[in-house]
Amino acid sequence: MINWDDAACNGQETSVFFDHEDSRGQKRVVLLNAARSICSTCTIRSACLDFALQSGQQFGVWGGLTAAERSELIVVTNRRQSLSAVRHRAAS
């Protein structure tokens, strides 16, 4: 069970973690860097990222990753699992 009270983002403005998706240019960079800076100090960062991946969070920064970065992580993980399964079948 995740204790969200321990999250570094607890009490922070949610716009730091979500409004970057509607922002462009330097404002987007500033918001993303602020979110990632907060996430980098978080004691439950891994659990937060796991939650976002398992629950399919499509928006915002979770565990230090944007929605696009989480999608890419899922693709890479699925490819590795597929390759591992193919290699295992070939070795059998």
C-alpha atoms as a PDB file:
ATOM      1  CA  MET A   1       0.000   0.000   0.000  1.00  0.00           C
ATOM      2  CA  ILE A   2       1.357   3.406  -0.973  1.00  0.00           C
ATOM      3  CA  ASN A   3       1.367   6.061   1.715  1.00  0.00           C
ATOM      4  CA  TRP A   4       0.716   9.107  -0.459  1.00  0.00           C
ATOM      5  CA  ASP A   5       1.299  11.346   2.575  1.00  0.00           C
ATOM      6  CA  ASP A   6       5.000  10.540   2.152  1.00  0.00           C
ATOM      7  CA  ALA A   7       5.076  11.813  -1.436  1.00  0.00           C
ATOM      8  CA  ALA A   8       7.284  14.822  -2.103  1.00  0.00           C
ATOM      9  CA  CYS A   9       4.485  16.278  -4.239  1.00  0.00           C
ATOM     10  CA  ASN A  10       2.045  16.205  -1.316  1.00  0.00           C
ATOM     11  CA  GLY A  11       0.880  19.783  -0.844  1.00  0.00           C
ATOM     12  CA  GLN A  12       2.462  21.033  -4.083  1.00  0.00           C
ATOM     13  CA  GLU A  13       0.517  22.797  -6.816  1.00  0.00           C
ATOM     14  CA  THR A  14      -0.903  20.133  -9.131  1.00  0.00           C
ATOM     15  CA  SER A  15      -0.349  22.451 -12.103  1.00  0.00           C
ATOM     16  CA  VAL A  16       3.368  21.680 -11.871  1.00  0.00           C
ATOM     17  CA  PHE A  17       2.617  18.035 -12.651  1.00  0.00           C
ATOM     18  CA  PHE A  18      -0.221  18.426 -15.136  1.00  0.00           C
ATOM     19  CA  ASP A  19      -0.336  21.842 -16.850  1.00  0.00           C
ATOM     20  CA  HIS A  20       2.894  21.232 -18.757  1.00  0.00           C
ATOM     21  CA  GLU A  21       0.868  19.203 -21.263  1.00  0.00           C
ATOM     22  CA  ASP A  22      -0.962  22.367 -22.329  1.00  0.00           C
ATOM     23  CA  SER A  23       2.145  24.542 -22.231  1.00  0.00           C
ATOM     24  CA  ARG A  24       4.715  25.148 -24.922  1.00  0.00           C
ATOM     25  CA  GLY A  25       8.276  26.366 -25.121  1.00  0.00           C
ATOM     26  CA  GLN A  26      10.117  27.620 -22.089  1.00  0.00           C
ATOM     27  CA  LYS A  27       7.056  27.442 -19.802  1.00  0.00           C
ATOM     28  CA  ARG A  28       6.758  23.719 -20.530  1.00  0.00           C
ATOM     29  CA  VAL A  29      10.457  23.173 -19.808  1.00  0.00           C
ATOM     30  CA  VAL A  30      10.236  25.087 -16.525  1.00  0.00           C
ATOM     31  CA  LEU A  31       7.180  23.125 -15.350  1.00  0.00           C
ATOM     32  CA  LEU A  32       8.666  19.766 -16.336  1.00  0.00           C
ATOM     33  CA  ASN A  33      11.941  20.571 -14.611  1.00  0.00           C
ATOM     34  CA  ALA A  34      10.082  21.658 -11.476  1.00  0.00           C
ATOM     35  CA  ALA A  35       8.067  18.425 -11.417  1.00  0.00           C
ATOM     36  CA  ARG A  36      11.126  16.278 -12.011  1.00  0.00           C
ATOM     37  CA  SER A  37      13.046  18.145  -9.331  1.00  0.00           C
ATOM     38  CA  ILE A  38      10.317  17.377  -6.802  1.00  0.00           C
ATOM     39  CA  CYS A  39      10.095  13.746  -7.929  1.00  0.00           C
ATOM     40  CA  SER A  40      13.853  13.310  -7.649  1.00  0.00           C
ATOM     41  CA  THR A  41      13.650  13.851  -3.882  1.00  0.00           C
ATOM     42  CA  CYS A  42      10.645  11.596  -3.338  1.00  0.00           C
ATOM     43  CA  THR A  43      10.933   8.501  -1.171  1.00  0.00           C
ATOM     44  CA  ILE A  44       8.010   6.798  -2.924  1.00  0.00           C
ATOM     45  CA  ARG A  45       9.012   7.665  -6.487  1.00  0.00           C
ATOM     46  CA  SER A  46       9.247   4.039  -7.644  1.00  0.00           C
ATOM     47  CA  ALA A  47       5.888   3.150  -6.110  1.00  0.00           C
ATOM     48  CA  CYS A  48       4.359   6.240  -7.734  1.00  0.00           C
ATOM     49  CA  LEU A  49       5.688   5.231 -11.146  1.00  0.00           C
ATOM     50  CA  ASP A  50       4.487   1.650 -10.669  1.00  0.00           C
ATOM     51  CA  PHE A  51       1.043   2.969  -9.731  1.00  0.00           C
ATOM     52  CA  ALA A  52       0.909   5.167 -12.831  1.00  0.00           C
ATOM     53  CA  LEU A  53       1.951   2.295 -15.094  1.00  0.00           C
ATOM     54  CA  GLN A  54      -0.437  -0.226 -13.549  1.00  0.00           C
ATOM     55  CA  SER A  55      -3.405   2.144 -13.483  1.00  0.00           C
ATOM     56  CA  GLY A  56      -2.771   3.546 -16.967  1.00  0.00           C
ATOM     57  CA  GLN A  57      -2.375   7.195 -15.978  1.00  0.00           C
ATOM     58  CA  GLN A  58      -2.502   9.066 -19.273  1.00  0.00           C
ATOM     59  CA  PHE A  59      -1.691  12.549 -18.013  1.00  0.00           C
ATOM     60  CA  GLY A  60       0.829  14.282 -15.830  1.00  0.00           C
ATOM     61  CA  VAL A  61       4.204  13.511 -14.338  1.00  0.00           C
ATOM     62  CA  TRP A  62       4.224  10.404 -12.145  1.00  0.00           C
ATOM     63  CA  GLY A  63       7.408   9.019 -10.653  1.00  0.00           C
ATOM     64  CA  GLY A  64       9.374  11.602 -12.610  1.00  0.00           C
ATOM     65  CA  LEU A  65       8.120  10.504 -16.051  1.00  0.00           C
ATOM     66  CA  THR A  66       5.677  12.183 -18.412  1.00  0.00           C
ATOM     67  CA  ALA A  67       2.821  10.286 -20.040  1.00  0.00           C
ATOM     68  CA  ALA A  68       4.846   9.989 -23.259  1.00  0.00           C
ATOM     69  CA  GLU A  69       7.864   8.669 -21.375  1.00  0.00           C
ATOM     70  CA  ARG A  70       5.712   6.129 -19.535  1.00  0.00           C
ATOM     71  CA  SER A  71       4.234   4.981 -22.850  1.00  0.00           C
ATOM     72  CA  GLU A  72       7.726   4.509 -24.260  1.00  0.00           C
ATOM     73  CA  LEU A  73       8.749   2.593 -21.141  1.00  0.00           C
ATOM     74  CA  ILE A  74       5.790   0.249 -21.626  1.00  0.00           C
ATOM     75  CA  VAL A  75       6.727  -0.318 -25.290  1.00  0.00           C
ATOM     76  CA  VAL A  76      10.364  -1.053 -24.426  1.00  0.00           C
ATOM     77  CA  THR A  77       9.388  -3.357 -21.562  1.00  0.00           C
ATOM     78  CA  ASN A  78       6.941  -5.258 -23.773  1.00  0.00           C
ATOM     79  CA  ARG A  79       9.582  -5.659 -26.495  1.00  0.00           C
ATOM     80  CA  ARG A  80      12.092  -7.014 -23.999  1.00  0.00           C
ATOM     81  CA  GLN A  81       9.551  -9.461 -22.614  1.00  0.00           C
ATOM     82  CA  SER A  82       8.644 -10.608 -26.128  1.00  0.00           C
ATOM     83  CA  LEU A  83      12.277 -11.088 -27.085  1.00  0.00           C
ATOM     84  CA  SER A  84      12.935 -12.959 -23.868  1.00  0.00           C
ATOM     85  CA  ALA A  85       9.998 -15.283 -24.545  1.00  0.00           C
ATOM     86  CA  VAL A  86      11.192 -15.921 -28.115  1.00  0.00           C
ATOM     87  CA  ARG A  87      14.713 -16.676 -26.898  1.00  0.00           C
ATOM     88  CA  HIS A  88      13.370 -18.989 -24.216  1.00  0.00           C
ATOM     89  CA  ARG A  89      11.267 -20.907 -26.769  1.00  0.00           C
ATOM     90  CA  ALA A  90      14.227 -21.135 -29.158  1.00  0.00           C
ATOM     91  CA  ALA A  91      16.461 -22.504 -26.407  1.00  0.00           C
ATOM     92  CA  SER A  92      13.915 -25.165 -25.447  1.00  0.00           C
END
